[in-house]
Structures are given as structure tokens and as C-alpha cells.
Amino acid sequence: MKFGVEFVPYLNLGTMVALAKEVEQLGFQQIWVCDHYHNRYVHSVLAQLALETRRVQLGPGVTNPYLAHPAVTAAAVATLNEMSKGRALLGMSSGDPFFLETVGIEQTKPLTSVREAVFIIRKLFAGEKVDFEGECFTCRGARLRFKPLNRIPIYVGGRRRKMLRLAGEVADGALINASHPVDIEDSVKSIKEGLRQRVSHINDFDFVAYMAVSVDNDERRARDAARGVVAFVASSAPEDSLSHRAISAEDVEEVRRYLRRGELAKAREAVTDEMLDEFSVCGKADNLVDRVLELEKIGVTRVVIGSPIGPDPLKSLKLVAEKLLDQG
């Protein structure tokens, strides 16, 4: 099992640099930086982290094709690859419709948009000239004037079956946006359906559980720290994901209502214990160890320690590393 960490850049840049150095020293292999317009700009953050680290892989986790044309994303990630001397990654998905709506963007044809974006970006990474007329994107002789020296892995992120099948078809790995073993097992099945459809065979596909995690020796503090993230996870949960859970539609709608109004504190308060249990892994580090062992049996090859990490992220990462990275 391999491990990565997610940074959400509401943290200031100095804090993220210090955390990145610790992440690398502790032995995590990847850092993913999430991309939402209201936080610090993902590519600026990644550039700074690239200059301050030496070994850890880095990439947007995840960006979307609505706020920037795939050619622009290709140039940004190829530049990151040069700055980091070959350590760049790219995570791509369709974005959060809630945040896209706040800037007047409708999430139309999400599967087609991601499929076309991955196609265009791969061609540009390979140094090819791209002539493409798709349903969502057009390229007329598009080309990067520099070529990455190594192959940049592309991951597709998601939590719905069709997007995960697409990941299996076109990507090097899938970032499964889930924390519960039932959801992740279903996700792995969907990815494998996509793998059976792909034109070129791949032996080392990366099945990544990209989980909301909150670790602390004080279980109550850990659970409380997870409430904000779980509010957003629960609010966008697919209906089929909610159908087999002891979570009422009314409770989820209450969280959504507060988020739509921008009342984040009330949304946190509306998160139930059942939501915390279903949509995150929180508590002592041993809870996370148990979950990782369970996911390994399902076929997960990597776990990303996602936001919020814990009430004190650095302390939490040290607890996680002590329990998991020593186990190999």
C-alpha cells in the first residue's frame, strides 16, 4: 500500500510549505492540492511546493475542464513537471457543481468533458499537434512549444459509477472520492469495468481511496474537525449512495440548504454522527489502520489522507506515519 496527502489551500502558503516538507520527510509519496477558485490558486501553490521539496510527487487533485481549457491545464502541469524535475501528476474530474454554479458555470456533459480533456492533454503532453472537434472542446493546431521529459500520470477522480468507469478506460489511476468500504468496493468494480473496455492494456493502474480523514488521540476532537468536510461530501452524495444508509434525506437536505445560503457553521452543526461514520474516517490512528487493511483486501493500491487530516494536521500526519508507513 502506498500513501498520499491532500492539501486544501485555505491554509496559508507558509503553512503548506512546512507541511509539504514534513510529508516528504515522513515518507508519503504524493501531495495532491485541491482546486477551488475561492482558495489559493492551485498551480501557484504547486509551483511553490515543487521548489521546496525534492522527492514527493505533486499535482492538482482534482482540477476540472470548465474553468480552464484542457490546453491551459496541460501547459500548467507540464511546467510543474519541469519545475519539480519530473514529479508532476494530474488529477482531473468534472468539478463540484455547487461551486461552479457560484460563478455562473453549468456542469454540462461532465463525462464527455472529462473524456475529451484527458484526450487533448495526453496528446499535448506527448508533443503532438492537436486538431480536434469534440462536443465540448475544440483544438485547431494546438501544441505546446515544449515537451515533458517524462510521462506525466493522469488520474480521473469521482464517486459516481460512470465517471469511475471512465477512469478505468482512459486514466493511469482513479481517485475514488469515498471513505466507506462499501462505496469503495463498488467503485473498484466500476473501474474494472472500464479497464476491460480500454484499447491499450495497463498493468499498474492505481486504485486510490481519496478519503476524508481526521486523526487525533482525542476522538471527539477528531470527529468535530471532520464536520466541515463531511458537510460538503454528504451534500453532493449520489442518491444510490444514500439509499443503503441510515441517513435520512431530510438531514442531507438540511445540510444542503445551509450550504446554499453560505451558512457554513450551521451546515457543520447539521452533520449527524451517521454522516461522519459513513463519509469519513475519524478518530484515533488505529481506526485508520483498520480501514486501510480492509481496503487493501478490496484491491485499493493507495490511500490519500484527505482533508481535514485532523485538528492539528502536522500532529495527525505524524500519528498516521507512525502507524502506517512503518508497516510498509
C-alpha atoms as a PDB file:
ATOM      1  CA  MET A   1       0.000   0.000   0.000  1.00  0.00           C
ATOM      2  CA  LYS A   2       1.197   3.492  -0.886  1.00  0.00           C
ATOM      3  CA  PHE A   3       0.097   6.780   0.649  1.00  0.00           C
ATOM      4  CA  GLY A   4      -0.524  10.372  -0.307  1.00  0.00           C
ATOM      5  CA  VAL A   5      -1.820  13.509   1.369  1.00  0.00           C
ATOM      6  CA  GLU A   6      -4.324  16.135   0.231  1.00  0.00           C
ATOM      7  CA  PHE A   7      -3.794  19.838   0.911  1.00  0.00           C
ATOM      8  CA  VAL A   8      -6.724  22.256   0.756  1.00  0.00           C
ATOM      9  CA  PRO A   9      -5.204  25.699   0.144  1.00  0.00           C
ATOM     10  CA  TYR A  10      -7.322  27.673   2.544  1.00  0.00           C
ATOM     11  CA  LEU A  11      -4.142  27.214   4.607  1.00  0.00           C
ATOM     12  CA  ASN A  12      -1.576  29.944   4.067  1.00  0.00           C
ATOM     13  CA  LEU A  13       1.318  29.207   1.760  1.00  0.00           C
ATOM     14  CA  GLY A  14       3.948  29.106   4.504  1.00  0.00           C
ATOM     15  CA  THR A  15       1.960  26.518   6.427  1.00  0.00           C
ATOM     16  CA  MET A  16       1.591  24.345   3.334  1.00  0.00           C
ATOM     17  CA  VAL A  17       5.299  24.557   2.562  1.00  0.00           C
ATOM     18  CA  ALA A  18       6.150  23.464   6.111  1.00  0.00           C
ATOM     19  CA  LEU A  19       3.613  20.628   5.889  1.00  0.00           C
ATOM     20  CA  ALA A  20       4.941  19.531   2.488  1.00  0.00           C
ATOM     21  CA  LYS A  21       8.468  19.240   3.840  1.00  0.00           C
ATOM     22  CA  GLU A  22       7.200  17.122   6.732  1.00  0.00           C
ATOM     23  CA  VAL A  23       5.076  14.980   4.387  1.00  0.00           C
ATOM     24  CA  GLU A  24       8.153  14.249   2.296  1.00  0.00           C
ATOM     25  CA  GLN A  25      10.330  13.531   5.334  1.00  0.00           C
ATOM     26  CA  LEU A  26       7.703  11.220   6.848  1.00  0.00           C
ATOM     27  CA  GLY A  27       7.689   9.114   3.678  1.00  0.00           C
ATOM     28  CA  PHE A  28       4.406   9.880   1.931  1.00  0.00           C
ATOM     29  CA  GLN A  29       4.781   9.573  -1.842  1.00  0.00           C
ATOM     30  CA  GLN A  30       2.245  12.094  -3.154  1.00  0.00           C
ATOM     31  CA  ILE A  31       0.765  15.514  -2.373  1.00  0.00           C
ATOM     32  CA  TRP A  32      -2.498  16.456  -4.064  1.00  0.00           C
ATOM     33  CA  VAL A  33      -3.720  20.074  -3.910  1.00  0.00           C
ATOM     34  CA  CYS A  34      -7.442  20.579  -4.437  1.00  0.00           C
ATOM     35  CA  ASP A  35      -8.652  23.165  -6.932  1.00  0.00           C
ATOM     36  CA  HIS A  36     -11.460  25.533  -5.914  1.00  0.00           C
ATOM     37  CA  TYR A  37     -11.417  29.129  -7.105  1.00  0.00           C
ATOM     38  CA  HIS A  38     -12.096  30.545  -3.615  1.00  0.00           C
ATOM     39  CA  ASN A  39      -8.873  29.082  -2.184  1.00  0.00           C
ATOM     40  CA  ARG A  40      -5.303  29.963  -3.100  1.00  0.00           C
ATOM     41  CA  TYR A  41      -4.676  29.224  -6.783  1.00  0.00           C
ATOM     42  CA  VAL A  42      -3.785  25.586  -7.197  1.00  0.00           C
ATOM     43  CA  HIS A  43      -0.972  25.985  -9.750  1.00  0.00           C
ATOM     44  CA  SER A  44       0.764  28.756  -7.805  1.00  0.00           C
ATOM     45  CA  VAL A  45       0.663  26.589  -4.675  1.00  0.00           C
ATOM     46  CA  LEU A  46       2.008  23.557  -6.555  1.00  0.00           C
ATOM     47  CA  ALA A  47       4.846  25.611  -8.036  1.00  0.00           C
ATOM     48  CA  GLN A  48       5.940  26.757  -4.583  1.00  0.00           C
ATOM     49  CA  LEU A  49       5.730  23.236  -3.179  1.00  0.00           C
ATOM     50  CA  ALA A  50       7.772  21.925  -6.110  1.00  0.00           C
ATOM     51  CA  LEU A  51      10.571  24.348  -5.295  1.00  0.00           C
ATOM     52  CA  GLU A  52      10.554  23.424  -1.601  1.00  0.00           C
ATOM     53  CA  THR A  53      10.538  19.598  -1.965  1.00  0.00           C
ATOM     54  CA  ARG A  54      12.756  17.041  -3.672  1.00  0.00           C
ATOM     55  CA  ARG A  55      11.091  13.631  -3.895  1.00  0.00           C
ATOM     56  CA  VAL A  56       7.337  13.763  -3.372  1.00  0.00           C
ATOM     57  CA  GLN A  57       5.044  13.759  -6.424  1.00  0.00           C
ATOM     58  CA  LEU A  58       2.710  16.748  -6.806  1.00  0.00           C
ATOM     59  CA  GLY A  59      -0.451  17.579  -8.693  1.00  0.00           C
ATOM     60  CA  PRO A  60      -3.895  19.155  -8.720  1.00  0.00           C
ATOM     61  CA  GLY A  61      -6.328  16.785  -7.082  1.00  0.00           C
ATOM     62  CA  VAL A  62      -8.585  17.422  -8.761  1.00  0.00           C
ATOM     63  CA  THR A  63      -8.955  20.164 -11.356  1.00  0.00           C
ATOM     64  CA  ASN A  64     -11.838  20.449 -13.818  1.00  0.00           C
ATOM     65  CA  PRO A  65     -12.168  21.305 -17.515  1.00  0.00           C
ATOM     66  CA  TYR A  66     -14.771  24.062 -17.049  1.00  0.00           C
ATOM     67  CA  LEU A  67     -12.715  26.843 -15.502  1.00  0.00           C
ATOM     68  CA  ALA A  68      -9.715  26.359 -17.815  1.00  0.00           C
ATOM     69  CA  HIS A  69      -9.398  24.848 -21.291  1.00  0.00           C
ATOM     70  CA  PRO A  70      -7.547  21.492 -21.245  1.00  0.00           C
ATOM     71  CA  ALA A  71      -4.693  23.051 -23.233  1.00  0.00           C
ATOM     72  CA  VAL A  72      -4.121  25.576 -20.443  1.00  0.00           C
ATOM     73  CA  THR A  73      -4.142  22.804 -17.839  1.00  0.00           C
ATOM     74  CA  ALA A  74      -1.678  20.813 -19.954  1.00  0.00           C
ATOM     75  CA  ALA A  75       0.724  23.773 -20.060  1.00  0.00           C
ATOM     76  CA  ALA A  76       0.404  24.373 -16.309  1.00  0.00           C
ATOM     77  CA  VAL A  77       1.087  20.753 -15.351  1.00  0.00           C
ATOM     78  CA  ALA A  78       3.895  20.370 -17.884  1.00  0.00           C
ATOM     79  CA  THR A  79       5.511  23.474 -16.357  1.00  0.00           C
ATOM     80  CA  LEU A  80       5.080  21.968 -12.878  1.00  0.00           C
ATOM     81  CA  ASN A  81       6.784  18.830 -14.165  1.00  0.00           C
ATOM     82  CA  GLU A  82       9.775  20.885 -15.312  1.00  0.00           C
ATOM     83  CA  MET A  83       9.966  22.812 -12.021  1.00  0.00           C
ATOM     84  CA  SER A  84       9.785  19.596  -9.976  1.00  0.00           C
ATOM     85  CA  LYS A  85      12.202  17.670 -12.224  1.00  0.00           C
ATOM     86  CA  GLY A  86       9.667  15.076 -13.289  1.00  0.00           C
ATOM     87  CA  ARG A  87       7.394  14.768 -10.248  1.00  0.00           C
ATOM     88  CA  ALA A  88       4.128  16.138 -11.648  1.00  0.00           C
ATOM     89  CA  LEU A  89       0.755  14.410 -11.500  1.00  0.00           C
ATOM     90  CA  LEU A  90      -2.615  15.454 -12.887  1.00  0.00           C
ATOM     91  CA  GLY A  91      -5.970  14.708 -11.290  1.00  0.00           C
ATOM     92  CA  MET A  92      -8.973  15.560 -13.466  1.00  0.00           C
ATOM     93  CA  SER A  93     -12.717  15.361 -12.903  1.00  0.00           C
ATOM     94  CA  SER A  94     -15.866  17.329 -13.590  1.00  0.00           C
ATOM     95  CA  GLY A  95     -15.709  19.627 -10.564  1.00  0.00           C
ATOM     96  CA  ASP A  96     -18.212  20.438  -7.857  1.00  0.00           C
ATOM     97  CA  PRO A  97     -21.475  21.708  -9.410  1.00  0.00           C
ATOM     98  CA  PHE A  98     -22.191  23.767  -6.287  1.00  0.00           C
ATOM     99  CA  PHE A  99     -19.023  25.844  -6.693  1.00  0.00           C
ATOM    100  CA  LEU A 100     -19.295  26.045 -10.479  1.00  0.00           C
ATOM    101  CA  GLU A 101     -22.797  27.482 -10.121  1.00  0.00           C
ATOM    102  CA  THR A 102     -21.481  30.287  -7.918  1.00  0.00           C
ATOM    103  CA  VAL A 103     -19.512  31.643 -10.900  1.00  0.00           C
ATOM    104  CA  GLY A 104     -22.276  31.041 -13.412  1.00  0.00           C
ATOM    105  CA  ILE A 105     -20.928  27.838 -14.950  1.00  0.00           C
ATOM    106  CA  GLU A 106     -23.236  24.908 -15.623  1.00  0.00           C
ATOM    107  CA  GLN A 107     -21.688  21.460 -15.351  1.00  0.00           C
ATOM    108  CA  THR A 108     -22.838  20.216 -18.760  1.00  0.00           C
ATOM    109  CA  LYS A 109     -21.851  16.822 -20.196  1.00  0.00           C
ATOM    110  CA  PRO A 110     -19.406  16.005 -17.364  1.00  0.00           C
ATOM    111  CA  LEU A 111     -18.344  12.604 -18.738  1.00  0.00           C
ATOM    112  CA  THR A 112     -17.755  13.924 -22.241  1.00  0.00           C
ATOM    113  CA  SER A 113     -15.918  16.966 -20.907  1.00  0.00           C
ATOM    114  CA  VAL A 114     -13.503  14.847 -18.861  1.00  0.00           C
ATOM    115  CA  ARG A 115     -13.004  12.279 -21.638  1.00  0.00           C
ATOM    116  CA  GLU A 116     -12.179  14.985 -24.176  1.00  0.00           C
ATOM    117  CA  ALA A 117      -9.951  16.853 -21.709  1.00  0.00           C
ATOM    118  CA  VAL A 118      -7.865  13.758 -20.971  1.00  0.00           C
ATOM    119  CA  PHE A 119      -7.546  13.024 -24.713  1.00  0.00           C
ATOM    120  CA  ILE A 120      -6.352  16.558 -25.514  1.00  0.00           C
ATOM    121  CA  ILE A 121      -3.956  16.757 -22.565  1.00  0.00           C
ATOM    122  CA  ARG A 122      -2.342  13.389 -23.372  1.00  0.00           C
ATOM    123  CA  LYS A 123      -1.708  14.497 -26.950  1.00  0.00           C
ATOM    124  CA  LEU A 124      -0.186  17.784 -25.812  1.00  0.00           C
ATOM    125  CA  PHE A 125       1.979  16.061 -23.195  1.00  0.00           C
ATOM    126  CA  ALA A 126       3.270  13.802 -25.991  1.00  0.00           C
ATOM    127  CA  GLY A 127       4.366  16.818 -28.011  1.00  0.00           C
ATOM    128  CA  GLU A 128       1.736  16.324 -30.703  1.00  0.00           C
ATOM    129  CA  LYS A 129      -0.196  18.924 -32.642  1.00  0.00           C
ATOM    130  CA  VAL A 130      -3.879  18.546 -31.791  1.00  0.00           C
ATOM    131  CA  ASP A 131      -6.677  19.027 -34.306  1.00  0.00           C
ATOM    132  CA  PHE A 132      -9.878  18.086 -32.531  1.00  0.00           C
ATOM    133  CA  GLU A 133     -13.564  18.913 -32.862  1.00  0.00           C
ATOM    134  CA  GLY A 134     -15.393  17.486 -29.874  1.00  0.00           C
ATOM    135  CA  GLU A 135     -18.754  18.052 -28.256  1.00  0.00           C
ATOM    136  CA  CYS A 136     -17.197  20.217 -25.550  1.00  0.00           C
ATOM    137  CA  PHE A 137     -13.748  21.315 -26.753  1.00  0.00           C
ATOM    138  CA  THR A 138     -12.042  22.331 -29.951  1.00  0.00           C
ATOM    139  CA  CYS A 139      -8.355  22.405 -30.838  1.00  0.00           C
ATOM    140  CA  ARG A 140      -7.139  23.738 -34.187  1.00  0.00           C
ATOM    141  CA  GLY A 141      -3.466  23.033 -34.471  1.00  0.00           C
ATOM    142  CA  ALA A 142      -2.929  23.355 -30.720  1.00  0.00           C
ATOM    143  CA  ARG A 143       0.535  22.447 -29.494  1.00  0.00           C
ATOM    144  CA  LEU A 144       2.866  23.020 -26.557  1.00  0.00           C
ATOM    145  CA  ARG A 145       6.199  24.568 -27.509  1.00  0.00           C
ATOM    146  CA  PHE A 146       7.969  22.324 -25.012  1.00  0.00           C
ATOM    147  CA  LYS A 147       7.575  18.648 -24.188  1.00  0.00           C
ATOM    148  CA  PRO A 148       7.736  16.977 -20.755  1.00  0.00           C
ATOM    149  CA  LEU A 149      10.847  14.821 -20.417  1.00  0.00           C
ATOM    150  CA  ASN A 150       8.875  12.012 -18.753  1.00  0.00           C
ATOM    151  CA  ARG A 151       5.335  10.640 -18.901  1.00  0.00           C
ATOM    152  CA  ILE A 152       3.011  12.520 -16.548  1.00  0.00           C
ATOM    153  CA  PRO A 153       0.416  10.220 -14.910  1.00  0.00           C
ATOM    154  CA  ILE A 154      -3.204  11.292 -15.325  1.00  0.00           C
ATOM    155  CA  TYR A 155      -5.785  10.296 -12.721  1.00  0.00           C
ATOM    156  CA  VAL A 156      -9.545  10.699 -13.052  1.00  0.00           C
ATOM    157  CA  GLY A 157     -11.419  11.398  -9.838  1.00  0.00           C
ATOM    158  CA  GLY A 158     -15.016  10.671  -8.977  1.00  0.00           C
ATOM    159  CA  ARG A 159     -17.606   8.943  -6.867  1.00  0.00           C
ATOM    160  CA  ARG A 160     -20.247   8.072  -9.463  1.00  0.00           C
ATOM    161  CA  ARG A 161     -20.134   4.829 -11.423  1.00  0.00           C
ATOM    162  CA  LYS A 162     -19.923   6.290 -14.926  1.00  0.00           C
ATOM    163  CA  MET A 163     -17.042   8.600 -14.043  1.00  0.00           C
ATOM    164  CA  LEU A 164     -15.181   5.751 -12.376  1.00  0.00           C
ATOM    165  CA  ARG A 165     -15.726   3.530 -15.416  1.00  0.00           C
ATOM    166  CA  LEU A 166     -14.265   6.354 -17.497  1.00  0.00           C
ATOM    167  CA  ALA A 167     -11.226   6.413 -15.201  1.00  0.00           C
ATOM    168  CA  GLY A 168     -10.662   2.746 -15.948  1.00  0.00           C
ATOM    169  CA  GLU A 169     -10.955   3.393 -19.679  1.00  0.00           C
ATOM    170  CA  VAL A 170      -8.653   6.389 -20.102  1.00  0.00           C
ATOM    171  CA  ALA A 171      -6.545   7.115 -17.000  1.00  0.00           C
ATOM    172  CA  ASP A 172      -3.462   5.826 -15.195  1.00  0.00           C
ATOM    173  CA  GLY A 173      -5.334   5.784 -11.908  1.00  0.00           C
ATOM    174  CA  ALA A 174      -8.620   6.644 -10.244  1.00  0.00           C
ATOM    175  CA  LEU A 175      -9.077   8.961  -7.273  1.00  0.00           C
ATOM    176  CA  ILE A 176     -12.093   7.393  -5.564  1.00  0.00           C
ATOM    177  CA  ASN A 177     -13.839  10.146  -3.631  1.00  0.00           C
ATOM    178  CA  ALA A 178     -15.163   7.929  -0.846  1.00  0.00           C
ATOM    179  CA  SER A 179     -14.264   6.700   2.619  1.00  0.00           C
ATOM    180  CA  HIS A 180     -16.582   3.773   3.354  1.00  0.00           C
ATOM    181  CA  PRO A 181     -15.568   0.237   2.268  1.00  0.00           C
ATOM    182  CA  VAL A 182     -18.979  -0.437   0.667  1.00  0.00           C
ATOM    183  CA  ASP A 183     -18.648   2.619  -1.584  1.00  0.00           C
ATOM    184  CA  ILE A 184     -15.020   1.901  -2.377  1.00  0.00           C
ATOM    185  CA  GLU A 185     -15.681  -1.742  -3.241  1.00  0.00           C
ATOM    186  CA  ASP A 186     -18.449  -0.663  -5.635  1.00  0.00           C
ATOM    187  CA  SER A 187     -16.076   1.936  -7.087  1.00  0.00           C
ATOM    188  CA  VAL A 188     -13.337  -0.628  -7.712  1.00  0.00           C
ATOM    189  CA  LYS A 189     -15.859  -2.789  -9.587  1.00  0.00           C
ATOM    190  CA  SER A 190     -16.854   0.153 -11.794  1.00  0.00           C
ATOM    191  CA  ILE A 191     -13.211   0.992 -12.523  1.00  0.00           C
ATOM    192  CA  LYS A 192     -12.528  -2.614 -13.520  1.00  0.00           C
ATOM    193  CA  GLU A 193     -15.467  -2.467 -15.935  1.00  0.00           C
ATOM    194  CA  GLY A 194     -13.735   0.485 -17.567  1.00  0.00           C
ATOM    195  CA  LEU A 195     -10.382  -1.294 -17.610  1.00  0.00           C
ATOM    196  CA  ARG A 196     -11.944  -4.110 -19.618  1.00  0.00           C
ATOM    197  CA  GLN A 197     -13.048  -1.573 -22.226  1.00  0.00           C
ATOM    198  CA  ARG A 198      -9.752   0.223 -22.754  1.00  0.00           C
ATOM    199  CA  VAL A 199      -7.886  -0.058 -26.025  1.00  0.00           C
ATOM    200  CA  SER A 200      -4.396  -0.324 -24.542  1.00  0.00           C
ATOM    201  CA  HIS A 201      -3.740  -2.692 -21.628  1.00  0.00           C
ATOM    202  CA  ILE A 202      -2.364  -1.291 -18.346  1.00  0.00           C
ATOM    203  CA  ASN A 203      -0.722  -3.420 -15.651  1.00  0.00           C
ATOM    204  CA  ASP A 204      -0.116  -0.872 -12.912  1.00  0.00           C
ATOM    205  CA  PHE A 205      -3.411   1.010 -12.645  1.00  0.00           C
ATOM    206  CA  ASP A 206      -3.540   2.922  -9.365  1.00  0.00           C
ATOM    207  CA  PHE A 207      -6.732   2.363  -7.340  1.00  0.00           C
ATOM    208  CA  VAL A 208      -6.706   5.297  -4.926  1.00  0.00           C
ATOM    209  CA  ALA A 209      -9.054   5.741  -1.957  1.00  0.00           C
ATOM    210  CA  TYR A 210      -9.144   9.529  -1.623  1.00  0.00           C
ATOM    211  CA  MET A 211     -10.678   9.697   1.838  1.00  0.00           C
ATOM    212  CA  ALA A 212     -11.861  12.392   4.214  1.00  0.00           C
ATOM    213  CA  VAL A 213      -9.693  11.700   7.278  1.00  0.00           C
ATOM    214  CA  SER A 214      -9.435  13.258  10.704  1.00  0.00           C
ATOM    215  CA  VAL A 215      -6.996  11.691  13.171  1.00  0.00           C
ATOM    216  CA  ASP A 216      -6.296  12.694  16.755  1.00  0.00           C
ATOM    217  CA  ASN A 217      -5.696  10.910  20.042  1.00  0.00           C
ATOM    218  CA  ASP A 218      -8.825  12.699  21.262  1.00  0.00           C
ATOM    219  CA  GLU A 219     -11.580  11.017  19.254  1.00  0.00           C
ATOM    220  CA  ARG A 220     -14.093  13.760  19.971  1.00  0.00           C
ATOM    221  CA  ARG A 221     -11.757  16.456  18.635  1.00  0.00           C
ATOM    222  CA  ALA A 222     -11.093  14.349  15.535  1.00  0.00           C
ATOM    223  CA  ARG A 223     -14.789  13.938  14.805  1.00  0.00           C
ATOM    224  CA  ASP A 224     -15.518  17.609  15.321  1.00  0.00           C
ATOM    225  CA  ALA A 225     -12.735  18.605  12.921  1.00  0.00           C
ATOM    226  CA  ALA A 226     -14.289  16.427  10.184  1.00  0.00           C
ATOM    227  CA  ARG A 227     -17.697  18.113  10.246  1.00  0.00           C
ATOM    228  CA  GLY A 228     -16.963  20.839   7.695  1.00  0.00           C
ATOM    229  CA  VAL A 229     -15.620  18.464   5.063  1.00  0.00           C
ATOM    230  CA  VAL A 230     -18.349  15.897   5.675  1.00  0.00           C
ATOM    231  CA  ALA A 231     -20.988  18.597   5.172  1.00  0.00           C
ATOM    232  CA  PHE A 232     -19.808  19.059   1.579  1.00  0.00           C
ATOM    233  CA  VAL A 233     -19.355  15.310   0.978  1.00  0.00           C
ATOM    234  CA  ALA A 234     -22.842  14.494   2.249  1.00  0.00           C
ATOM    235  CA  SER A 235     -24.465  17.348   0.335  1.00  0.00           C
ATOM    236  CA  SER A 236     -23.195  16.015  -3.001  1.00  0.00           C
ATOM    237  CA  ALA A 237     -23.632  12.292  -2.282  1.00  0.00           C
ATOM    238  CA  PRO A 238     -25.219  10.327  -5.165  1.00  0.00           C
ATOM    239  CA  GLU A 239     -28.747   9.150  -4.454  1.00  0.00           C
ATOM    240  CA  ASP A 240     -27.748   5.480  -4.866  1.00  0.00           C
ATOM    241  CA  SER A 241     -25.041   6.070  -2.256  1.00  0.00           C
ATOM    242  CA  LEU A 242     -27.617   7.308   0.241  1.00  0.00           C
ATOM    243  CA  SER A 243     -30.179   4.585  -0.433  1.00  0.00           C
ATOM    244  CA  HIS A 244     -28.408   1.867   1.591  1.00  0.00           C
ATOM    245  CA  ARG A 245     -27.569   4.100   4.554  1.00  0.00           C
ATOM    246  CA  ALA A 246     -29.251   5.049   7.809  1.00  0.00           C
ATOM    247  CA  ILE A 247     -29.076   8.706   6.779  1.00  0.00           C
ATOM    248  CA  SER A 248     -32.355  10.480   6.144  1.00  0.00           C
ATOM    249  CA  ALA A 249     -32.885  12.533   3.015  1.00  0.00           C
ATOM    250  CA  GLU A 250     -34.242  15.303   5.244  1.00  0.00           C
ATOM    251  CA  ASP A 251     -30.971  15.501   7.203  1.00  0.00           C
ATOM    252  CA  VAL A 252     -28.940  15.727   3.999  1.00  0.00           C
ATOM    253  CA  GLU A 253     -31.256  18.380   2.574  1.00  0.00           C
ATOM    254  CA  GLU A 254     -30.841  20.433   5.737  1.00  0.00           C
ATOM    255  CA  VAL A 255     -27.068  20.433   5.246  1.00  0.00           C
ATOM    256  CA  ARG A 256     -27.521  21.398   1.575  1.00  0.00           C
ATOM    257  CA  ARG A 257     -29.856  24.243   2.494  1.00  0.00           C
ATOM    258  CA  TYR A 258     -27.303  25.794   4.861  1.00  0.00           C
ATOM    259  CA  LEU A 259     -24.502  25.413   2.312  1.00  0.00           C
ATOM    260  CA  ARG A 260     -26.552  27.110  -0.409  1.00  0.00           C
ATOM    261  CA  ARG A 261     -27.036  30.070   1.946  1.00  0.00           C
ATOM    262  CA  GLY A 262     -23.335  30.152   2.795  1.00  0.00           C
ATOM    263  CA  GLU A 263     -24.080  29.339   6.441  1.00  0.00           C
ATOM    264  CA  LEU A 264     -21.122  27.002   6.930  1.00  0.00           C
ATOM    265  CA  ALA A 265     -21.238  26.946  10.733  1.00  0.00           C
ATOM    266  CA  LYS A 266     -24.861  25.785  10.666  1.00  0.00           C
ATOM    267  CA  ALA A 267     -24.051  23.200   7.996  1.00  0.00           C
ATOM    268  CA  ARG A 268     -21.349  21.785  10.274  1.00  0.00           C
ATOM    269  CA  GLU A 269     -23.789  21.592  13.159  1.00  0.00           C
ATOM    270  CA  ALA A 270     -26.329  19.795  10.965  1.00  0.00           C
ATOM    271  CA  VAL A 271     -23.878  16.971  10.179  1.00  0.00           C
ATOM    272  CA  THR A 272     -25.022  13.858  12.032  1.00  0.00           C
ATOM    273  CA  ASP A 273     -22.920  11.122  13.621  1.00  0.00           C
ATOM    274  CA  GLU A 274     -24.125   8.775  10.883  1.00  0.00           C
ATOM    275  CA  MET A 275     -22.766  11.127   8.224  1.00  0.00           C
ATOM    276  CA  LEU A 276     -19.394  11.260   9.971  1.00  0.00           C
ATOM    277  CA  ASP A 277     -19.234   7.459  10.127  1.00  0.00           C
ATOM    278  CA  GLU A 278     -20.268   6.966   6.502  1.00  0.00           C
ATOM    279  CA  PHE A 279     -18.384   9.771   4.767  1.00  0.00           C
ATOM    280  CA  SER A 280     -15.102   9.992   6.680  1.00  0.00           C
ATOM    281  CA  VAL A 281     -12.586   8.048   8.734  1.00  0.00           C
ATOM    282  CA  CYS A 282     -12.159   9.890  12.001  1.00  0.00           C
ATOM    283  CA  GLY A 283     -10.884   9.109  15.449  1.00  0.00           C
ATOM    284  CA  LYS A 284      -7.629   7.573  16.635  1.00  0.00           C
ATOM    285  CA  ALA A 285      -4.958   6.443  14.185  1.00  0.00           C
ATOM    286  CA  ASP A 286      -5.852   2.800  14.849  1.00  0.00           C
ATOM    287  CA  ASN A 287      -9.255   3.462  13.238  1.00  0.00           C
ATOM    288  CA  LEU A 288      -7.472   4.476  10.058  1.00  0.00           C
ATOM    289  CA  VAL A 289      -5.164   1.441  10.207  1.00  0.00           C
ATOM    290  CA  ASP A 290      -8.191  -0.856  10.391  1.00  0.00           C
ATOM    291  CA  ARG A 291      -9.771   0.891   7.402  1.00  0.00           C
ATOM    292  CA  VAL A 292      -6.584   0.667   5.328  1.00  0.00           C
ATOM    293  CA  LEU A 293      -6.271  -3.069   5.984  1.00  0.00           C
ATOM    294  CA  GLU A 294      -9.881  -3.515   4.882  1.00  0.00           C
ATOM    295  CA  LEU A 295      -9.342  -1.517   1.696  1.00  0.00           C
ATOM    296  CA  GLU A 296      -6.215  -3.454   0.800  1.00  0.00           C
ATOM    297  CA  LYS A 297      -8.338  -6.610   0.613  1.00  0.00           C
ATOM    298  CA  ILE A 298     -10.721  -4.827  -1.770  1.00  0.00           C
ATOM    299  CA  GLY A 299      -7.894  -4.004  -4.172  1.00  0.00           C
ATOM    300  CA  VAL A 300      -7.009  -0.421  -3.245  1.00  0.00           C
ATOM    301  CA  THR A 301      -3.354   0.301  -4.047  1.00  0.00           C
ATOM    302  CA  ARG A 302      -3.033   3.749  -2.490  1.00  0.00           C
ATOM    303  CA  VAL A 303      -4.746   5.795   0.227  1.00  0.00           C
ATOM    304  CA  VAL A 304      -4.779   9.581   0.202  1.00  0.00           C
ATOM    305  CA  ILE A 305      -5.150  11.172   3.628  1.00  0.00           C
ATOM    306  CA  GLY A 306      -7.668  13.810   2.659  1.00  0.00           C
ATOM    307  CA  SER A 307      -8.923  16.951   4.338  1.00  0.00           C
ATOM    308  CA  PRO A 308      -9.157  17.855   7.138  1.00  0.00           C
ATOM    309  CA  ILE A 309      -6.367  15.368   8.164  1.00  0.00           C
ATOM    310  CA  GLY A 310      -7.072  16.298  11.796  1.00  0.00           C
ATOM    311  CA  PRO A 311      -7.496  19.225  14.192  1.00  0.00           C
ATOM    312  CA  ASP A 312      -3.697  19.658  14.061  1.00  0.00           C
ATOM    313  CA  PRO A 313      -2.663  18.430  10.572  1.00  0.00           C
ATOM    314  CA  LEU A 314       1.054  18.068  11.315  1.00  0.00           C
ATOM    315  CA  LYS A 315       0.465  16.140  14.530  1.00  0.00           C
ATOM    316  CA  SER A 316      -2.114  13.991  12.745  1.00  0.00           C
ATOM    317  CA  LEU A 317       0.238  13.169   9.870  1.00  0.00           C
ATOM    318  CA  LYS A 318       2.915  12.096  12.345  1.00  0.00           C
ATOM    319  CA  LEU A 319       0.394   9.787  14.052  1.00  0.00           C
ATOM    320  CA  VAL A 320      -0.599   8.335  10.682  1.00  0.00           C
ATOM    321  CA  ALA A 321       3.001   7.866   9.556  1.00  0.00           C
ATOM    322  CA  GLU A 322       3.933   6.135  12.798  1.00  0.00           C
ATOM    323  CA  LYS A 323       1.109   3.626  12.375  1.00  0.00           C
ATOM    324  CA  LEU A 324       1.050   3.111   8.608  1.00  0.00           C
ATOM    325  CA  LEU A 325       4.303   3.992   6.913  1.00  0.00           C
ATOM    326  CA  ASP A 326       6.327   1.788   9.273  1.00  0.00           C
ATOM    327  CA  GLN A 327       4.147  -1.104   8.140  1.00  0.00           C
ATOM    328  CA  GLY A 328       5.302  -0.594   4.579  1.00  0.00           C
END
